Amino acid sequence: MNAGCHRPPRSHRIERLDALAPADARAVRALVADATAHDDHAPLNEHALLHLRHPEAGASKHLLGRDDDPGAELAGYLYRDVSRGGPVQAECVVAPAQRRQGWGRALVSTAVKMVAPRPVQLWSHGADAAADRLAESLGFRRVRELWQMRRDLRAELPTLGDVAGVRVRGFRPGVDEGPWLALNARAFAHHPEQGQMTRSDLDRRMSEPWFDPDGFFVAERDGRLIGFHWTKVHGDPGDGSGHGHPVTGEVYVVGVDPAAQGAGLGRLLTLTGLHHLRDKGLDCVLLFVEADNHTAIAVYRRLGFSHVATDALYRLDP
């Protein structure tokens, strides 16, 4: 969420849409790109960005903010995920030129009223101070933090090593989807997003320009998948990632079957991906990790990562 909350707009209207027409979708993508360039980080999370590029009937709803002036450009946008149960998940962005005019407050307040009495959860990306103040002023409380950590790939990497009885290989599209989804569900059984990934979620990501099976590593023992490291390369203006930085590698997801934990498999998989990204000629790699996952953070720090930014999740219980 990127939003100002000072002066109310002189005149504005908020459109409530179940689906975006092509022209509206283009306007939203342009707004997101403008905000990304201005703030140096994407204002919406990957789930929202994917649904903008690959609409799924009934999966999301939208609020568009515009001045009443004819031909006015989009001032703000709020994405509401309705594909899952539980609290309503929302993401909000306001055009840089329209901030501090109340658009963020108008969009979020409208969404809260529309879904009441259901709880609402709202992300603030990149530790945006104005968005934090807005969320708190509307009664939201911070319930979760996600750290972004980075590492210079030009610094020396530890050697790979191995784990007894484990083979690490590349993901095979058309073969590994089902076993991987089962492994992912086991590895992230208690994770609020990753653990709920469906086949359509996986297919959507595999259709993205950044997807590369050569950077998707799986570990198997006796023919059964027990771990994986899915890497990502983004930042190219043509990749559609929405990230506002030069070409960068990412430790996208590392997962290990609970039954295989404690043997060093997570470290091996992480290093396999880091070596791959370095060998592709990349200078930097990032990752996202729960701020309270102290064990994982300690591992990443030992591998040379440092904390550079924080995303915050806010929740309102009407």
Protein backbone atom coordinates (compact mmCIF):
# COMPACT_ATOMS: atom_id res chain seq x y z
CA MET A 1 0.00 0.00 0.00
CA ASN A 2 1.27 3.45 -0.95
CA ALA A 3 -1.09 6.23 0.03
CA GLY A 4 -1.31 9.74 1.39
CA CYS A 5 -3.97 10.74 3.88
CA HIS A 6 -3.92 14.49 4.44
CA ARG A 7 -6.29 16.69 2.38
CA PRO A 8 -9.51 15.17 1.01
CA PRO A 9 -9.85 15.39 -2.78
CA ARG A 10 -11.88 18.31 -4.08
CA SER A 11 -13.99 15.90 -6.10
CA HIS A 12 -13.63 12.21 -6.59
CA ARG A 13 -15.49 9.06 -7.44
CA ILE A 14 -14.74 5.45 -6.61
CA GLU A 15 -15.81 2.80 -9.07
CA ARG A 16 -16.58 -0.68 -7.77
CA LEU A 17 -15.80 -3.35 -10.35
CA ASP A 18 -16.04 -7.14 -10.30
CA ALA A 19 -13.69 -7.32 -13.30
CA LEU A 20 -11.44 -4.85 -15.10
CA ALA A 21 -12.14 -3.90 -18.70
CA PRO A 22 -9.02 -3.92 -20.90
CA ALA A 23 -8.71 -0.11 -20.76
CA ASP A 24 -9.02 -0.11 -16.96
CA ALA A 25 -6.49 -2.92 -16.65
CA ARG A 26 -4.02 -0.93 -18.75
CA ALA A 27 -4.60 2.15 -16.59
CA VAL A 28 -4.00 0.14 -13.40
CA ARG A 29 -0.80 -1.39 -14.78
CA ALA A 30 0.42 2.08 -15.79
CA LEU A 31 -0.36 3.39 -12.29
CA VAL A 32 1.53 0.49 -10.70
CA ALA A 33 4.52 1.08 -12.98
CA ASP A 34 4.53 4.81 -12.14
CA ALA A 35 4.39 4.13 -8.40
CA THR A 36 7.09 1.46 -8.66
CA ALA A 37 9.45 3.84 -10.44
CA HIS A 38 8.70 6.62 -7.93
CA ASP A 39 9.02 4.50 -4.77
CA ASP A 40 11.72 2.06 -5.91
CA HIS A 41 9.53 -0.92 -4.94
CA ALA A 42 6.30 -2.46 -6.18
CA PRO A 43 3.15 -1.20 -4.40
CA LEU A 44 1.30 -4.52 -4.83
CA ASN A 45 2.41 -8.01 -3.89
CA GLU A 46 3.04 -10.76 -6.43
CA HIS A 47 -0.39 -12.35 -5.96
CA ALA A 48 -2.15 -9.11 -6.92
CA LEU A 49 0.21 -8.42 -9.83
CA LEU A 50 -0.34 -11.92 -11.21
CA HIS A 51 -4.11 -11.52 -11.07
CA LEU A 52 -3.80 -8.22 -12.93
CA ARG A 53 -1.89 -9.92 -15.73
CA HIS A 54 -3.87 -13.19 -15.66
CA PRO A 55 -7.45 -12.39 -14.57
CA GLU A 56 -9.38 -15.28 -13.05
CA ALA A 57 -13.16 -15.03 -12.96
CA GLY A 58 -14.46 -14.42 -9.45
CA ALA A 59 -10.98 -14.26 -7.86
CA SER A 60 -10.72 -10.52 -7.26
CA LYS A 61 -12.66 -7.26 -7.06
CA HIS A 62 -11.44 -3.75 -7.72
CA LEU A 63 -11.87 -0.16 -6.61
CA LEU A 64 -10.77 2.62 -8.96
CA GLY A 65 -10.41 6.22 -7.83
CA ARG A 66 -10.78 9.08 -10.30
CA ASP A 67 -11.54 12.80 -10.17
CA ASP A 68 -14.88 13.82 -11.60
CA ASP A 69 -13.13 15.80 -14.34
CA PRO A 70 -13.71 14.25 -17.78
CA GLY A 71 -10.68 12.31 -18.97
CA ALA A 72 -9.05 12.32 -15.54
CA GLU A 73 -6.30 9.75 -15.11
CA LEU A 74 -6.53 7.03 -12.50
CA ALA A 75 -5.72 8.47 -9.08
CA GLY A 76 -5.79 5.29 -7.03
CA TYR A 77 -6.51 1.60 -7.09
CA LEU A 78 -7.44 -1.04 -4.50
CA TYR A 79 -7.25 -4.77 -5.20
CA ARG A 80 -9.38 -7.11 -3.12
CA ASP A 81 -8.67 -10.84 -3.16
CA VAL A 82 -11.84 -12.89 -2.85
CA SER A 83 -10.35 -16.22 -3.94
CA ARG A 84 -9.71 -17.43 -0.39
CA GLY A 85 -11.59 -17.64 2.86
CA GLY A 86 -10.73 -15.87 6.09
CA PRO A 87 -9.93 -12.15 6.33
CA VAL A 88 -10.30 -10.07 3.18
CA GLN A 89 -6.87 -9.41 1.65
CA ALA A 90 -6.40 -5.94 0.14
CA GLU A 91 -3.64 -4.00 -1.65
CA CYS A 92 -3.82 -0.27 -2.37
CA VAL A 93 -1.78 2.18 -4.45
CA VAL A 94 -2.17 5.92 -5.09
CA ALA A 95 -0.59 7.74 -8.03
CA PRO A 96 2.48 9.74 -6.91
CA ALA A 97 0.98 12.99 -8.22
CA GLN A 98 -2.27 12.39 -6.31
CA ARG A 99 -0.88 11.61 -2.87
CA ARG A 100 -1.68 13.55 0.31
CA GLN A 101 -5.17 14.24 -1.06
CA GLY A 102 -7.12 11.53 0.77
CA TRP A 103 -7.32 8.93 -1.96
CA GLY A 104 -5.81 6.18 0.16
CA ARG A 105 -8.25 6.83 2.99
CA ALA A 106 -11.21 6.93 0.58
CA LEU A 107 -10.27 3.65 -1.12
CA VAL A 108 -9.50 1.71 2.07
CA SER A 109 -12.55 3.05 3.93
CA THR A 110 -14.79 2.08 1.02
CA ALA A 111 -13.37 -1.44 0.97
CA VAL A 112 -13.83 -1.83 4.74
CA LYS A 113 -17.48 -0.77 4.52
CA MET A 114 -18.13 -3.10 1.59
CA VAL A 115 -16.95 -6.24 3.37
CA ALA A 116 -18.05 -5.47 6.96
CA PRO A 117 -18.16 -7.25 9.34
CA ARG A 118 -15.39 -9.41 7.86
CA PRO A 119 -11.82 -8.60 9.00
CA VAL A 120 -9.56 -6.84 6.48
CA GLN A 121 -5.82 -7.33 6.06
CA LEU A 122 -3.78 -4.70 4.23
CA TRP A 123 -0.12 -4.80 3.17
CA SER A 124 2.22 -1.80 3.37
CA HIS A 125 5.29 -2.43 1.21
CA GLY A 126 8.75 -1.01 1.73
CA ALA A 127 8.08 0.51 5.15
CA ASP A 128 6.05 3.34 3.63
CA ALA A 129 5.56 5.80 6.50
CA ALA A 130 2.46 7.51 5.04
CA ALA A 131 0.78 4.16 4.42
CA ASP A 132 1.62 3.05 7.96
CA ARG A 133 0.06 6.22 9.40
CA LEU A 134 -3.05 5.76 7.27
CA ALA A 135 -3.54 2.15 8.35
CA GLU A 136 -3.14 3.01 12.02
CA SER A 137 -5.46 6.04 11.77
CA LEU A 138 -8.19 3.78 10.36
CA GLY A 139 -7.87 1.37 13.29
CA PHE A 140 -5.67 -1.28 11.68
CA ARG A 141 -3.03 -2.96 13.83
CA ARG A 142 0.27 -4.37 12.64
CA VAL A 143 0.16 -8.17 12.81
CA ARG A 144 3.01 -9.37 10.61
CA GLU A 145 6.32 -8.22 9.16
CA LEU A 146 8.20 -9.56 6.16
CA TRP A 147 11.90 -8.76 5.82
CA GLN A 148 13.68 -8.25 2.54
CA MET A 149 17.31 -9.36 2.77
CA ARG A 150 20.04 -8.98 0.15
CA ARG A 151 23.47 -10.38 -0.62
CA ASP A 152 26.27 -9.31 -2.96
CA LEU A 153 26.91 -12.29 -5.26
CA ARG A 154 30.36 -10.96 -6.08
CA ALA A 155 31.42 -11.96 -2.56
CA GLU A 156 32.68 -15.52 -2.20
CA LEU A 157 30.08 -18.25 -1.75
CA PRO A 158 30.52 -21.35 0.43
CA THR A 159 31.05 -24.60 -1.47
CA LEU A 160 28.04 -26.77 -2.16
CA GLY A 161 28.77 -30.04 -0.39
CA ASP A 162 26.07 -32.74 -0.42
CA VAL A 163 23.52 -34.59 1.72
CA ALA A 164 23.72 -38.38 1.90
CA GLY A 165 21.20 -40.15 -0.32
CA VAL A 166 19.89 -36.93 -1.88
CA ARG A 167 19.96 -36.02 -5.56
CA VAL A 168 19.40 -32.40 -6.63
CA ARG A 169 18.12 -31.89 -10.17
CA GLY A 170 16.11 -29.45 -12.25
CA PHE A 171 12.31 -29.24 -12.18
CA ARG A 172 10.66 -31.10 -15.09
CA PRO A 173 7.59 -29.24 -16.45
CA GLY A 174 4.82 -31.67 -17.27
CA VAL A 175 6.13 -34.25 -14.79
CA ASP A 176 6.87 -32.64 -11.42
CA GLU A 177 3.87 -30.36 -10.90
CA GLY A 178 1.79 -32.79 -8.84
CA PRO A 179 4.61 -34.09 -6.60
CA TRP A 180 5.89 -30.56 -6.13
CA LEU A 181 2.47 -29.25 -5.04
CA ALA A 182 2.21 -32.07 -2.49
CA LEU A 183 5.72 -31.28 -1.19
CA ASN A 184 4.98 -27.55 -1.05
CA ALA A 185 1.81 -28.21 0.96
CA ARG A 186 3.77 -30.31 3.45
CA ALA A 187 6.65 -27.84 3.73
CA PHE A 188 4.37 -24.81 4.19
CA ALA A 189 1.41 -26.36 5.99
CA HIS A 190 1.15 -23.39 8.35
CA HIS A 191 2.10 -20.59 5.95
CA PRO A 192 -0.84 -18.24 5.16
CA GLU A 193 0.00 -17.86 1.44
CA GLN A 194 2.57 -20.36 0.18
CA GLY A 195 0.88 -23.34 1.76
CA GLN A 196 -2.35 -22.65 -0.14
CA MET A 197 -0.80 -22.73 -3.62
CA THR A 198 -2.97 -24.52 -6.17
CA ARG A 199 -2.23 -25.97 -9.60
CA SER A 200 -3.65 -22.83 -11.23
CA ASP A 201 -1.36 -20.70 -9.03
CA LEU A 202 1.63 -22.78 -10.14
CA ASP A 203 0.61 -22.69 -13.81
CA ARG A 204 0.18 -18.93 -13.64
CA ARG A 205 3.73 -18.50 -12.35
CA MET A 206 5.15 -20.95 -14.87
CA SER A 207 3.59 -18.87 -17.65
CA GLU A 208 5.41 -15.72 -16.52
CA PRO A 209 8.33 -14.42 -18.65
CA TRP A 210 10.73 -14.86 -15.74
CA PHE A 211 10.03 -18.58 -15.27
CA ASP A 212 13.08 -20.75 -15.98
CA PRO A 213 13.01 -24.48 -15.14
CA ASP A 214 16.82 -24.45 -15.10
CA GLY A 215 16.63 -22.25 -11.99
CA PHE A 216 14.01 -24.42 -10.25
CA PHE A 217 15.84 -27.10 -8.24
CA VAL A 218 14.27 -30.10 -6.56
CA ALA A 219 15.84 -32.63 -4.19
CA GLU A 220 14.73 -36.24 -4.23
CA ARG A 221 15.49 -39.29 -2.15
CA ASP A 222 14.49 -42.76 -3.39
CA GLY A 223 12.47 -41.10 -6.17
CA ARG A 224 10.43 -38.89 -3.80
CA LEU A 225 10.66 -35.09 -3.73
CA ILE A 226 11.78 -33.88 -0.30
CA GLY A 227 12.93 -30.30 -0.95
CA PHE A 228 13.22 -27.53 -3.50
CA HIS A 229 14.70 -24.12 -4.24
CA TRP A 230 12.86 -22.04 -6.81
CA THR A 231 15.00 -19.11 -7.95
CA LYS A 232 13.85 -16.08 -9.88
CA VAL A 233 15.53 -13.43 -12.02
CA HIS A 234 13.65 -10.16 -12.38
CA GLY A 235 14.16 -6.48 -12.97
CA ASP A 236 14.24 -6.55 -16.78
CA PRO A 237 11.66 -3.95 -17.94
CA GLY A 238 10.15 -6.60 -20.20
CA ASP A 239 9.64 -9.30 -17.60
CA GLY A 240 6.42 -7.89 -16.12
CA SER A 241 7.62 -8.38 -12.56
CA GLY A 242 6.72 -4.91 -11.32
CA HIS A 243 9.97 -4.62 -9.38
CA GLY A 244 11.72 -1.28 -9.44
CA HIS A 245 15.40 -2.24 -9.47
CA PRO A 246 18.09 -3.51 -11.87
CA VAL A 247 18.27 -7.17 -12.88
CA THR A 248 18.44 -9.11 -9.63
CA GLY A 249 18.30 -12.73 -8.55
CA GLU A 250 15.89 -13.93 -5.91
CA VAL A 251 15.71 -16.83 -3.52
CA TYR A 252 12.06 -17.11 -4.49
CA VAL A 253 11.03 -20.09 -2.35
CA VAL A 254 13.01 -22.72 -0.42
CA GLY A 255 11.03 -25.60 1.03
CA VAL A 256 11.99 -28.81 2.82
CA ASP A 257 9.72 -31.71 3.76
CA PRO A 258 9.34 -31.67 7.57
CA ALA A 259 10.45 -35.31 7.63
CA ALA A 260 13.75 -34.34 5.92
CA GLN A 261 14.64 -31.32 8.02
CA GLY A 262 17.72 -31.10 10.19
CA ALA A 263 20.13 -32.78 7.77
CA GLY A 264 21.44 -29.66 6.03
CA LEU A 265 19.17 -29.97 3.00
CA GLY A 266 17.88 -26.40 3.25
CA ARG A 267 21.42 -25.02 3.23
CA LEU A 268 22.39 -27.23 0.29
CA LEU A 269 19.37 -26.14 -1.74
CA THR A 270 19.88 -22.48 -0.90
CA LEU A 271 23.54 -22.62 -1.97
CA THR A 272 22.62 -24.52 -5.15
CA GLY A 273 20.39 -21.62 -6.16
CA LEU A 274 22.93 -18.97 -5.16
CA HIS A 275 25.67 -20.63 -7.22
CA HIS A 276 23.26 -20.83 -10.17
CA LEU A 277 22.40 -17.12 -9.96
CA ARG A 278 26.06 -16.14 -9.60
CA ASP A 279 27.01 -18.28 -12.59
CA LYS A 280 24.39 -16.45 -14.65
CA GLY A 281 26.44 -13.29 -14.06
CA LEU A 282 24.17 -11.60 -11.51
CA ASP A 283 25.69 -9.29 -8.91
CA CYS A 284 22.90 -9.26 -6.32
CA VAL A 285 20.33 -11.61 -4.85
CA LEU A 286 17.38 -10.88 -2.56
CA LEU A 287 14.91 -12.89 -0.54
CA PHE A 288 11.87 -12.37 1.68
CA VAL A 289 11.55 -13.97 5.10
CA GLU A 290 9.16 -13.68 8.02
CA ALA A 291 10.63 -11.21 10.53
CA ASP A 292 9.93 -13.61 13.42
CA ASN A 293 11.60 -16.60 11.72
CA HIS A 294 14.79 -16.16 13.71
CA THR A 295 16.21 -19.53 12.72
CA ALA A 296 15.97 -18.80 8.99
CA ILE A 297 17.28 -15.25 9.44
CA ALA A 298 20.31 -16.59 11.30
CA VAL A 299 20.99 -19.01 8.42
CA TYR A 300 20.70 -16.26 5.84
CA ARG A 301 22.95 -13.95 7.83
CA ARG A 302 25.60 -16.68 7.94
CA LEU A 303 25.29 -16.91 4.16
CA GLY A 304 26.02 -13.18 3.85
CA PHE A 305 22.51 -11.68 3.64
CA SER A 306 21.56 -8.45 5.43
CA HIS A 307 18.19 -6.81 6.16
CA VAL A 308 17.37 -3.92 3.79
CA ALA A 309 13.59 -3.32 3.94
CA THR A 310 10.37 -4.38 5.68
CA ASP A 311 6.82 -5.03 4.47
CA ALA A 312 4.10 -4.80 7.11
CA LEU A 313 0.69 -6.48 7.23
CA TYR A 314 -2.10 -4.61 9.02
CA ARG A 315 -5.42 -6.08 10.19
CA LEU A 316 -8.75 -4.48 11.05
CA ASP A 317 -11.36 -6.39 13.03
CA PRO A 318 -14.57 -4.31 12.76
